[in-house]
Amino acid sequence: MIGVRRQTQIYVSGVSGRRPLIPFDADRLEAAAERRMRPAAFAYVAAGAGNERTMAANRAAFDRWRIVPRMLRDVEHRDTSIELFGQRLPSPFLLAPVGVLELAHPDADCAVARAARDTGTGMVFSTQASRPMEGVSRILADTPHWFQLYWSRFDALVESLASRAERCGCTAIVITVDTTMLGWRSRDLEGAFLPFLHGKGLAQYTSDPVFKALIAEAPLAPPAQQPRPTLATLRTLIELTRAYPDGFWRTLVSGRGRAAAQRFSEIYSRPSLTWETLAFLRERTDLPIVLKGILHPDDAARAVAEGIDAVIVSNHGGRQVDGSIATLEALPAVVEAVDGRIPVLLDSGVRGGADIFKALALGARAVLIGRPYVYALAVAGRAGVRELLLNLAADFELTMGLAGCRSVAEIGSEALVPAPALPEMPSISAPRSL
C-alpha cells in the first residue's frame, strides 16, 4: 500500500540523515517557493483576482466539511485507482494545466512531465506552456495526458492546436471557458508584469504553423501604447528574441520575437465564445471534450445536452472573479445536474489527501492539482514535483483507509458531515465620548 510504503521510506531515509526535499505543509511549501522565485514570477503564480477572496473561499469551503471515519472495517487492501476515458489512473488526481512553468524552473513542463511519468500521474498540458506539447508528450509516453485549450480569435489556430494534441497522443481536450478575458489580478498589475509580453509561455504558439503564418501574413499594427525606449525595454526585446525558436540573431533581425508577443496579445482571448462555437471543435476531433470552469448547475446540464464528455468545476484557482463561489460549494449542485451522465472533476483549492477525499465524497470523479506542484517545481525541480505527487497519493490512500473505505467507489456523501457553524462574535460598540 502506497501510504505505508511512503511513510516507511521517509522514516528509513531519516535514519541516514536524509530529509524530504520539500515541505509537507501547503503554506510552508508556498513560502519556500516564494524564496526561490523572482517576486514578479511568484506573484504571477500565487496571485488571485482582486482582493483574492475567491482564493480564500476555495480553502474555507473544504473546512466546512468534516470526515466521519468508520471503524472495524477490513481495509487491509486498498485501491485508489480510477478510470477516465478508458484509461486507468493510480490515484484520483491529475496535474492541472498551469502556464509559464519556466517562471518556477528552467526545465519547466519537461521536469513536471518526468515527475508525472515517474508516478503515473495524468497531466494536462497548458496552451500557455513553456515547452511545445510534442516534446512533453514524448516524455510522458503512455502516461495519460490531455491538452487544455484557450479558444483563440482564429478558429484555424484552434483547429491546428487540437490537431497537434491528437497527433501527439493526448486523450482529451480541455476547453477553459472561464478565461475569455483576463481577470483583474491586482498583484500582477502592481508589478506591471505579464509574462507573455516578455516571450514566456508562448511555446505552443511559436511552434505552431498557423500561428507562424499569422505573424507573417500581414504587417502588425503598431501597439496602442508604445513602451518608452529604456534599458528595461531593451531587456524585454532580448527576452522576446531569445524566446522565439529561430536562433537569436535571425530572430533579432526578423523581429519575430516581438511580433509573436504582439500577435498573441491580439488573438489570445475570445469574449464572443458561446455554446454554439463549441460545435466547431466537435466536428474536427474525435477526442473527448471537457469544459473547465463550470460552476452553475444549468451550465453543467447544458454541457451534457451539447454532448460534452466531462466538466471540471473550477474558478481558475480564484484568478478570474473576486468573490466567486468556491468550487467545493458549487460541486454538489453540478453533480446533481449531471446525474451521472458524464464525469465531474474539480480543481481550485485542493491541498491534501483530505481535500481529495472530501471532493470525491461530494461527487467528483477526480480532482486537479495546480499551484502546489508549481511550488514544488520551484523548490526542487523534477524531484520536488515527484515527492509532492507521492505524498499526495500516500496522504489520500491513508485518509481513505482510515475513514473505512477500501476503494474510491466506497467514498460517498455519508462519509461527511457539515462542520459546526462558528458562533458569531459579539459586536463591540465604539466607546462613548466623555
Protein backbone atom coordinates (compact mmCIF):
# COMPACT_ATOMS: atom_id res chain seq x y z
CA MET A 1 0.00 0.00 0.00
CA ILE A 2 1.48 3.29 -1.09
CA GLY A 3 0.69 5.18 2.13
CA VAL A 4 2.55 2.82 4.43
CA ARG A 5 5.39 2.36 1.93
CA ARG A 6 5.83 6.10 1.57
CA GLN A 7 5.87 6.66 5.33
CA THR A 8 8.40 3.87 5.78
CA GLN A 9 10.62 5.21 3.01
CA ILE A 10 10.72 8.67 4.60
CA TYR A 11 11.43 7.41 8.11
CA VAL A 12 14.13 4.97 6.98
CA SER A 13 15.80 7.72 4.95
CA GLY A 14 15.78 9.83 8.09
CA VAL A 15 17.91 7.23 9.84
CA SER A 16 20.60 8.01 7.25
CA GLY A 17 20.17 11.72 7.73
CA ARG A 18 18.17 12.34 4.57
CA ARG A 19 15.20 14.67 4.86
CA PRO A 20 12.37 15.34 2.37
CA LEU A 21 13.18 17.83 -0.37
CA ILE A 22 10.01 19.88 0.04
CA PRO A 23 7.85 20.97 2.99
CA PHE A 24 4.73 18.88 3.56
CA ASP A 25 2.58 21.77 4.78
CA ALA A 26 1.00 23.67 1.88
CA ASP A 27 1.65 27.11 3.36
CA ARG A 28 5.30 26.34 4.11
CA LEU A 29 5.74 24.92 0.61
CA GLU A 30 4.38 28.14 -0.87
CA ALA A 31 6.70 30.20 1.34
CA ALA A 32 9.68 28.09 0.27
CA ALA A 33 8.80 28.66 -3.39
CA GLU A 34 8.50 32.39 -2.80
CA ARG A 35 12.06 32.44 -1.51
CA ARG A 36 13.28 30.70 -4.68
CA MET A 37 11.35 32.68 -7.30
CA ARG A 38 11.67 36.22 -8.57
CA PRO A 39 8.99 38.42 -6.95
CA ALA A 40 7.13 39.11 -10.20
CA ALA A 41 7.24 35.43 -11.17
CA PHE A 42 5.95 34.28 -7.79
CA ALA A 43 3.18 36.88 -7.87
CA TYR A 44 2.03 35.62 -11.27
CA VAL A 45 1.66 32.07 -9.92
CA ALA A 46 0.31 32.91 -6.48
CA ALA A 47 -1.99 35.82 -7.30
CA GLY A 48 -5.76 35.75 -7.43
CA ALA A 49 -8.31 38.20 -8.75
CA GLY A 50 -9.00 41.43 -6.92
CA ASN A 51 -8.64 41.10 -3.15
CA GLU A 52 -8.27 37.33 -3.53
CA ARG A 53 -11.47 36.48 -1.67
CA THR A 54 -12.19 33.61 -4.05
CA MET A 55 -8.86 32.00 -3.25
CA ALA A 56 -9.70 32.20 0.45
CA ALA A 57 -13.21 30.87 -0.21
CA ASN A 58 -11.84 27.83 -2.02
CA ARG A 59 -9.86 26.81 1.04
CA ALA A 60 -12.60 27.73 3.53
CA ALA A 61 -15.10 25.54 1.67
CA PHE A 62 -13.08 22.41 2.49
CA ASP A 63 -13.05 23.35 6.17
CA ARG A 64 -16.85 23.44 6.21
CA TRP A 65 -16.97 19.64 5.88
CA ARG A 66 -15.76 17.05 8.39
CA ILE A 67 -14.84 13.44 7.62
CA VAL A 68 -16.56 10.81 9.79
CA PRO A 69 -14.23 7.78 9.97
CA ARG A 70 -15.84 4.33 10.30
CA MET A 71 -14.18 1.64 12.39
CA LEU A 72 -13.62 -2.14 12.30
CA ARG A 73 -13.83 -2.47 8.55
CA ASP A 74 -11.31 -4.60 6.72
CA VAL A 75 -9.16 -2.07 4.87
CA GLU A 76 -6.04 -4.23 4.57
CA HIS A 77 -6.19 -3.95 0.78
CA ARG A 78 -6.93 -0.52 -0.66
CA ASP A 79 -7.42 0.55 -4.26
CA THR A 80 -7.17 4.27 -5.04
CA SER A 81 -7.30 3.90 -8.83
CA ILE A 82 -9.97 5.38 -11.07
CA GLU A 83 -10.84 5.23 -14.76
CA LEU A 84 -11.24 8.25 -17.03
CA PHE A 85 -11.94 7.92 -20.75
CA GLY A 86 -10.82 4.31 -20.77
CA GLN A 87 -7.50 4.98 -19.02
CA ARG A 88 -6.59 3.91 -15.51
CA LEU A 89 -5.04 6.40 -13.10
CA PRO A 90 -3.36 5.10 -9.92
CA SER A 91 -4.84 7.91 -7.80
CA PRO A 92 -7.85 10.19 -8.35
CA PHE A 93 -5.92 13.30 -9.28
CA LEU A 94 -4.25 14.86 -12.31
CA LEU A 95 -1.92 17.79 -12.80
CA ALA A 96 -3.93 20.86 -13.73
CA PRO A 97 -2.87 22.95 -16.72
CA VAL A 98 -0.59 25.72 -15.44
CA GLY A 99 1.08 28.08 -17.86
CA VAL A 100 4.52 29.65 -17.92
CA LEU A 101 6.21 26.99 -15.77
CA GLU A 102 9.58 28.46 -16.75
CA LEU A 103 8.85 31.11 -14.11
CA ALA A 104 9.35 28.38 -11.49
CA HIS A 105 12.16 26.32 -13.02
CA PRO A 106 14.20 26.34 -16.24
CA ASP A 107 13.17 22.74 -17.08
CA ALA A 108 9.53 23.88 -16.86
CA ASP A 109 6.96 21.48 -18.37
CA CYS A 110 9.60 18.83 -19.09
CA ALA A 111 10.50 18.47 -15.41
CA VAL A 112 6.83 18.20 -14.47
CA ALA A 113 6.19 15.62 -17.20
CA ARG A 114 9.07 13.46 -15.95
CA ALA A 115 7.67 13.56 -12.42
CA ALA A 116 4.22 12.69 -13.74
CA ARG A 117 5.68 9.75 -15.67
CA ASP A 118 7.62 8.62 -12.59
CA THR A 119 4.40 8.39 -10.59
CA GLY A 120 1.86 7.54 -13.31
CA THR A 121 0.01 10.81 -12.70
CA GLY A 122 -2.07 12.21 -15.54
CA MET A 123 -1.02 15.63 -16.83
CA VAL A 124 -2.98 18.33 -18.63
CA PHE A 125 -0.81 20.49 -20.92
CA SER A 126 -1.46 24.22 -20.95
CA THR A 127 -1.91 26.29 -24.10
CA GLN A 128 0.41 28.75 -22.34
CA ALA A 129 3.13 26.16 -21.84
CA SER A 130 6.83 26.90 -21.83
CA ARG A 131 7.61 23.86 -23.99
CA PRO A 132 5.81 22.55 -27.11
CA MET A 133 3.35 19.74 -26.47
CA GLU A 134 5.08 17.28 -28.79
CA GLY A 135 8.27 17.09 -26.73
CA VAL A 136 6.41 16.89 -23.43
CA SER A 137 4.19 14.15 -24.83
CA ARG A 138 7.25 12.10 -25.79
CA ILE A 139 8.47 12.33 -22.20
CA LEU A 140 5.14 11.15 -20.83
CA ALA A 141 4.86 8.26 -23.31
CA ASP A 142 1.95 6.09 -22.09
CA THR A 143 1.16 8.22 -19.04
CA PRO A 144 -2.29 9.78 -19.64
CA HIS A 145 -2.12 13.36 -20.88
CA TRP A 146 -4.72 15.85 -22.04
CA PHE A 147 -4.45 19.20 -23.78
CA GLN A 148 -6.01 22.38 -22.34
CA LEU A 149 -7.21 24.84 -24.96
CA TYR A 150 -7.75 28.58 -24.77
CA TRP A 151 -10.04 29.38 -27.68
CA SER A 152 -8.31 31.93 -29.88
CA ARG A 153 -9.95 34.56 -32.06
CA PHE A 154 -8.71 32.48 -35.03
CA ASP A 155 -10.56 29.18 -35.48
CA ALA A 156 -7.77 27.95 -37.75
CA LEU A 157 -5.36 28.19 -34.81
CA VAL A 158 -7.82 26.35 -32.57
CA GLU A 159 -8.05 23.58 -35.15
CA SER A 160 -4.27 23.39 -35.51
CA LEU A 161 -3.65 23.16 -31.75
CA ALA A 162 -6.32 20.48 -31.35
CA SER A 163 -4.95 18.51 -34.28
CA ARG A 164 -1.44 18.62 -32.84
CA ALA A 165 -2.78 17.43 -29.48
CA GLU A 166 -4.49 14.49 -31.13
CA ARG A 167 -1.40 13.54 -33.15
CA CYS A 168 0.92 13.64 -30.15
CA GLY A 169 -1.16 11.27 -28.06
CA CYS A 170 -3.39 13.47 -25.92
CA THR A 171 -6.53 11.57 -24.97
CA ALA A 172 -8.84 14.53 -24.25
CA ILE A 173 -9.13 18.25 -24.96
CA VAL A 174 -9.98 20.54 -22.04
CA ILE A 175 -11.53 23.85 -23.11
CA THR A 176 -11.11 26.53 -20.47
CA VAL A 177 -14.31 28.57 -20.67
CA ASP A 178 -13.82 30.99 -17.76
CA THR A 179 -10.91 32.96 -19.24
CA THR A 180 -12.25 34.63 -22.36
CA MET A 181 -10.52 37.70 -20.91
CA LEU A 182 -8.08 38.10 -18.04
CA GLY A 183 -9.48 38.82 -14.59
CA TRP A 184 -8.36 41.85 -12.58
CA ARG A 185 -5.24 40.40 -10.94
CA SER A 186 -4.05 43.06 -8.55
CA ARG A 187 -0.65 41.59 -7.69
CA ASP A 188 0.30 41.24 -11.36
CA LEU A 189 -0.91 44.75 -12.08
CA GLU A 190 1.05 46.21 -9.17
CA GLY A 191 4.19 44.61 -10.58
CA ALA A 192 3.21 45.61 -14.13
CA PHE A 193 4.23 42.13 -15.25
CA LEU A 194 2.52 39.90 -17.81
CA PRO A 195 4.89 37.07 -18.82
CA PHE A 196 3.56 36.69 -22.35
CA LEU A 197 4.71 40.19 -23.24
CA HIS A 198 8.23 39.00 -22.32
CA GLY A 199 8.00 35.99 -24.63
CA LYS A 200 7.28 33.49 -21.86
CA GLY A 201 4.55 30.87 -22.05
CA LEU A 202 4.24 31.08 -25.83
CA ALA A 203 5.83 27.76 -26.84
CA GLN A 204 2.61 26.21 -28.17
CA TYR A 205 2.14 29.26 -30.39
CA THR A 206 5.66 29.76 -31.69
CA SER A 207 5.82 26.06 -32.61
CA ASP A 208 2.50 26.18 -34.48
CA PRO A 209 2.42 26.60 -38.28
CA VAL A 210 -0.85 28.53 -38.26
CA PHE A 211 0.42 31.00 -35.66
CA LYS A 212 3.64 31.47 -37.60
CA ALA A 213 1.58 32.22 -40.69
CA LEU A 214 -0.45 34.76 -38.71
CA ILE A 215 2.78 36.57 -37.86
CA ALA A 216 3.99 36.57 -41.45
CA GLU A 217 0.83 37.12 -43.47
CA ALA A 218 0.15 40.76 -42.57
CA PRO A 219 2.13 43.65 -41.13
CA LEU A 220 1.43 44.26 -37.48
CA ALA A 221 -0.46 47.33 -36.46
CA PRO A 222 1.56 49.44 -34.03
CA PRO A 223 0.63 48.72 -30.40
CA ALA A 224 -1.98 51.06 -28.97
CA GLN A 225 0.55 52.21 -26.39
CA GLN A 226 4.21 52.15 -27.39
CA PRO A 227 6.60 51.49 -24.46
CA ARG A 228 9.17 54.21 -23.91
CA PRO A 229 12.66 53.23 -25.05
CA THR A 230 14.51 52.45 -21.82
CA LEU A 231 17.02 49.91 -20.55
CA ALA A 232 14.06 47.77 -19.40
CA THR A 233 12.60 47.93 -22.92
CA LEU A 234 15.89 46.68 -24.34
CA ARG A 235 15.99 43.81 -21.83
CA THR A 236 12.45 42.83 -22.84
CA LEU A 237 13.43 42.86 -26.52
CA ILE A 238 16.30 40.49 -25.72
CA GLU A 239 13.90 38.22 -23.78
CA LEU A 240 11.48 38.16 -26.71
CA THR A 241 14.27 37.38 -29.14
CA ARG A 242 15.67 34.53 -27.04
CA ALA A 243 12.20 33.04 -26.55
CA TYR A 244 11.47 32.64 -30.27
CA PRO A 245 12.76 29.24 -31.53
CA ASP A 246 14.59 30.53 -34.58
CA GLY A 247 18.08 31.46 -33.36
CA PHE A 248 18.91 34.71 -31.58
CA TRP A 249 20.41 36.78 -34.42
CA ARG A 250 17.95 35.58 -37.04
CA THR A 251 15.05 36.40 -34.75
CA LEU A 252 16.53 39.76 -33.82
CA VAL A 253 16.84 40.75 -37.49
CA SER A 254 13.39 39.45 -38.44
CA GLY A 255 11.65 40.91 -35.38
CA ARG A 256 9.61 37.73 -34.97
CA GLY A 257 10.07 37.63 -31.19
CA ARG A 258 8.34 40.95 -30.70
CA ALA A 259 5.83 40.11 -33.43
CA ALA A 260 4.91 36.82 -31.70
CA ALA A 261 4.16 38.55 -28.40
CA GLN A 262 2.12 41.27 -30.09
CA ARG A 263 0.15 38.87 -32.30
CA PHE A 264 -0.55 36.68 -29.26
CA SER A 265 -1.92 39.66 -27.33
CA GLU A 266 -4.23 40.46 -30.25
CA ILE A 267 -5.72 36.98 -30.68
CA TYR A 268 -5.39 35.25 -27.29
CA SER A 269 -8.84 35.80 -25.80
CA ARG A 270 -12.28 35.45 -27.33
CA PRO A 271 -15.07 37.03 -25.28
CA SER A 272 -17.57 36.07 -28.01
CA LEU A 273 -17.17 32.34 -27.25
CA THR A 274 -20.59 30.66 -26.93
CA TRP A 275 -22.09 27.20 -26.70
CA GLU A 276 -22.67 27.30 -30.45
CA THR A 277 -18.96 27.88 -31.09
CA LEU A 278 -18.06 24.56 -29.49
CA ALA A 279 -19.56 22.64 -32.42
CA PHE A 280 -16.57 23.77 -34.50
CA LEU A 281 -14.21 21.63 -32.42
CA ARG A 282 -16.59 18.70 -32.06
CA GLU A 283 -16.70 18.44 -35.86
CA ARG A 284 -12.90 18.32 -36.04
CA THR A 285 -11.85 15.86 -33.36
CA ASP A 286 -12.93 12.51 -32.02
CA LEU A 287 -11.23 13.12 -28.69
CA PRO A 288 -13.38 13.59 -25.58
CA ILE A 289 -14.09 17.28 -24.92
CA VAL A 290 -14.02 18.56 -21.34
CA LEU A 291 -15.22 22.01 -20.21
CA LYS A 292 -13.18 23.60 -17.44
CA GLY A 293 -14.69 26.47 -15.48
CA ILE A 294 -18.25 25.20 -14.86
CA LEU A 295 -19.82 26.48 -11.61
CA HIS A 296 -23.57 26.71 -12.28
CA PRO A 297 -25.77 23.60 -12.49
CA ASP A 298 -27.59 24.95 -15.57
CA ASP A 299 -24.26 25.22 -17.40
CA ALA A 300 -23.45 21.65 -16.38
CA ALA A 301 -26.81 20.42 -17.69
CA ARG A 302 -26.27 22.34 -20.92
CA ALA A 303 -22.84 20.72 -21.29
CA VAL A 304 -24.45 17.28 -21.14
CA ALA A 305 -27.08 18.33 -23.69
CA GLU A 306 -24.36 19.61 -26.02
CA GLY A 307 -22.54 16.29 -25.97
CA ILE A 308 -19.63 17.39 -23.79
CA ASP A 309 -17.80 14.40 -22.31
CA ALA A 310 -16.88 15.79 -18.85
CA VAL A 311 -16.86 19.02 -16.87
CA ILE A 312 -14.39 20.46 -14.41
CA VAL A 313 -15.83 22.52 -11.57
CA SER A 314 -13.28 25.32 -11.39
CA ASN A 315 -12.96 29.04 -10.72
CA HIS A 316 -9.43 29.12 -12.17
CA GLY A 317 -7.85 28.98 -8.74
CA GLY A 318 -9.56 32.24 -7.81
CA ARG A 319 -7.74 34.09 -10.60
CA GLN A 320 -10.74 35.35 -12.57
CA VAL A 321 -13.65 36.63 -10.46
CA ASP A 322 -13.09 38.01 -6.98
CA GLY A 323 -15.94 36.97 -4.67
CA SER A 324 -16.88 33.94 -6.80
CA ILE A 325 -18.49 30.82 -5.39
CA ALA A 326 -15.95 28.30 -4.10
CA THR A 327 -15.56 25.18 -6.20
CA LEU A 328 -16.47 22.76 -3.40
CA GLU A 329 -19.60 24.83 -2.74
CA ALA A 330 -20.57 24.56 -6.40
CA LEU A 331 -19.78 20.85 -6.73
CA PRO A 332 -22.92 19.19 -5.27
CA ALA A 333 -25.35 21.10 -7.49
CA VAL A 334 -23.25 20.41 -10.58
CA VAL A 335 -23.08 16.71 -9.72
CA GLU A 336 -26.87 16.64 -9.28
CA ALA A 337 -27.43 18.39 -12.62
CA VAL A 338 -25.13 15.98 -14.45
CA ASP A 339 -26.82 13.00 -12.76
CA GLY A 340 -24.06 10.53 -13.53
CA ARG A 341 -24.18 11.01 -17.30
CA ILE A 342 -20.62 12.37 -17.58
CA PRO A 343 -17.69 12.62 -15.15
CA VAL A 344 -17.39 15.69 -12.94
CA LEU A 345 -13.92 16.77 -11.84
CA LEU A 346 -12.91 19.58 -9.50
CA ASP A 347 -9.99 21.92 -9.14
CA SER A 348 -9.07 25.09 -7.21
CA GLY A 349 -8.08 24.90 -3.56
CA VAL A 350 -7.05 21.23 -3.29
CA ARG A 351 -4.05 20.97 -0.97
CA GLY A 352 -4.02 17.50 0.58
CA GLY A 353 -5.40 13.99 0.78
CA ALA A 354 -8.34 15.01 2.97
CA ASP A 355 -9.36 17.62 0.38
CA ILE A 356 -9.33 14.96 -2.33
CA PHE A 357 -11.42 12.65 -0.15
CA LYS A 358 -13.99 15.38 0.53
CA ALA A 359 -14.31 16.27 -3.17
CA LEU A 360 -14.87 12.62 -4.08
CA ALA A 361 -17.40 12.21 -1.26
CA LEU A 362 -19.36 15.12 -2.73
CA GLY A 363 -19.45 13.53 -6.17
CA ALA A 364 -16.26 14.39 -8.04
CA ARG A 365 -14.66 11.60 -10.07
CA ALA A 366 -11.22 13.15 -9.65
CA VAL A 367 -9.50 16.43 -8.80
CA LEU A 368 -6.80 18.52 -10.41
CA ILE A 369 -3.75 19.80 -8.53
CA GLY A 370 -2.42 23.23 -9.51
CA ARG A 371 -0.27 25.64 -7.51
CA PRO A 372 1.25 23.04 -5.12
CA TYR A 373 3.14 21.29 -7.90
CA VAL A 374 4.39 24.62 -9.25
CA TYR A 375 5.75 25.46 -5.81
CA ALA A 376 7.37 22.01 -5.56
CA LEU A 377 8.91 22.60 -9.00
CA ALA A 378 10.37 25.91 -7.84
CA VAL A 379 11.85 24.36 -4.69
CA ALA A 380 13.35 21.14 -6.08
CA GLY A 381 12.58 20.70 -9.78
CA ARG A 382 11.51 17.30 -11.05
CA ALA A 383 12.39 15.62 -7.75
CA GLY A 384 10.26 18.11 -5.84
CA VAL A 385 7.21 17.50 -8.04
CA ARG A 386 7.75 13.76 -7.75
CA GLU A 387 7.84 13.99 -3.96
CA LEU A 388 4.69 16.08 -3.91
CA LEU A 389 2.79 13.57 -6.05
CA LEU A 390 3.96 10.60 -3.98
CA ASN A 391 2.99 12.41 -0.79
CA LEU A 392 -0.46 13.32 -2.12
CA ALA A 393 -1.09 9.74 -3.21
CA ALA A 394 0.03 8.41 0.17
CA ASP A 395 -1.94 11.01 2.12
CA PHE A 396 -5.12 10.24 0.17
CA GLU A 397 -4.73 6.47 0.46
CA LEU A 398 -4.22 6.61 4.21
CA THR A 399 -7.13 9.02 4.64
CA MET A 400 -9.36 6.73 2.59
CA GLY A 401 -8.39 3.64 4.59
CA LEU A 402 -8.62 5.35 7.98
CA ALA A 403 -12.09 6.58 7.03
CA GLY A 404 -13.10 2.95 6.48
CA CYS A 405 -13.09 2.83 2.68
CA ARG A 406 -11.28 0.19 0.64
CA SER A 407 -11.73 1.89 -2.73
CA VAL A 408 -12.76 5.15 -4.31
CA ALA A 409 -16.13 3.59 -5.12
CA GLU A 410 -16.86 3.28 -1.38
CA ILE A 411 -16.40 7.02 -0.75
CA GLY A 412 -19.84 8.61 -0.50
CA SER A 413 -21.58 11.62 0.98
CA GLU A 414 -22.31 9.66 4.18
CA ALA A 415 -18.58 9.96 4.96
CA LEU A 416 -19.00 13.71 5.59
CA VAL A 417 -20.94 15.96 7.92
CA PRO A 418 -21.13 19.76 7.86
CA ALA A 419 -18.78 21.44 10.28
CA PRO A 420 -20.48 23.22 13.18
CA ALA A 421 -21.11 26.85 12.43
CA LEU A 422 -18.79 29.15 14.31
CA PRO A 423 -20.56 31.32 16.87
CA GLU A 424 -20.92 34.93 15.87
CA MET A 425 -18.61 37.30 17.66
CA PRO A 426 -20.46 39.83 19.81
CA SER A 427 -20.45 43.27 18.30
CA ILE A 428 -18.26 45.80 20.02
CA SER A 429 -19.71 49.27 20.22
CA ALA A 430 -17.50 52.28 19.98
CA PRO A 431 -16.79 53.89 23.36
CA ARG A 432 -18.92 56.90 24.12
CA SER A 433 -17.14 60.18 24.15
CA LEU A 434 -17.00 61.81 27.54
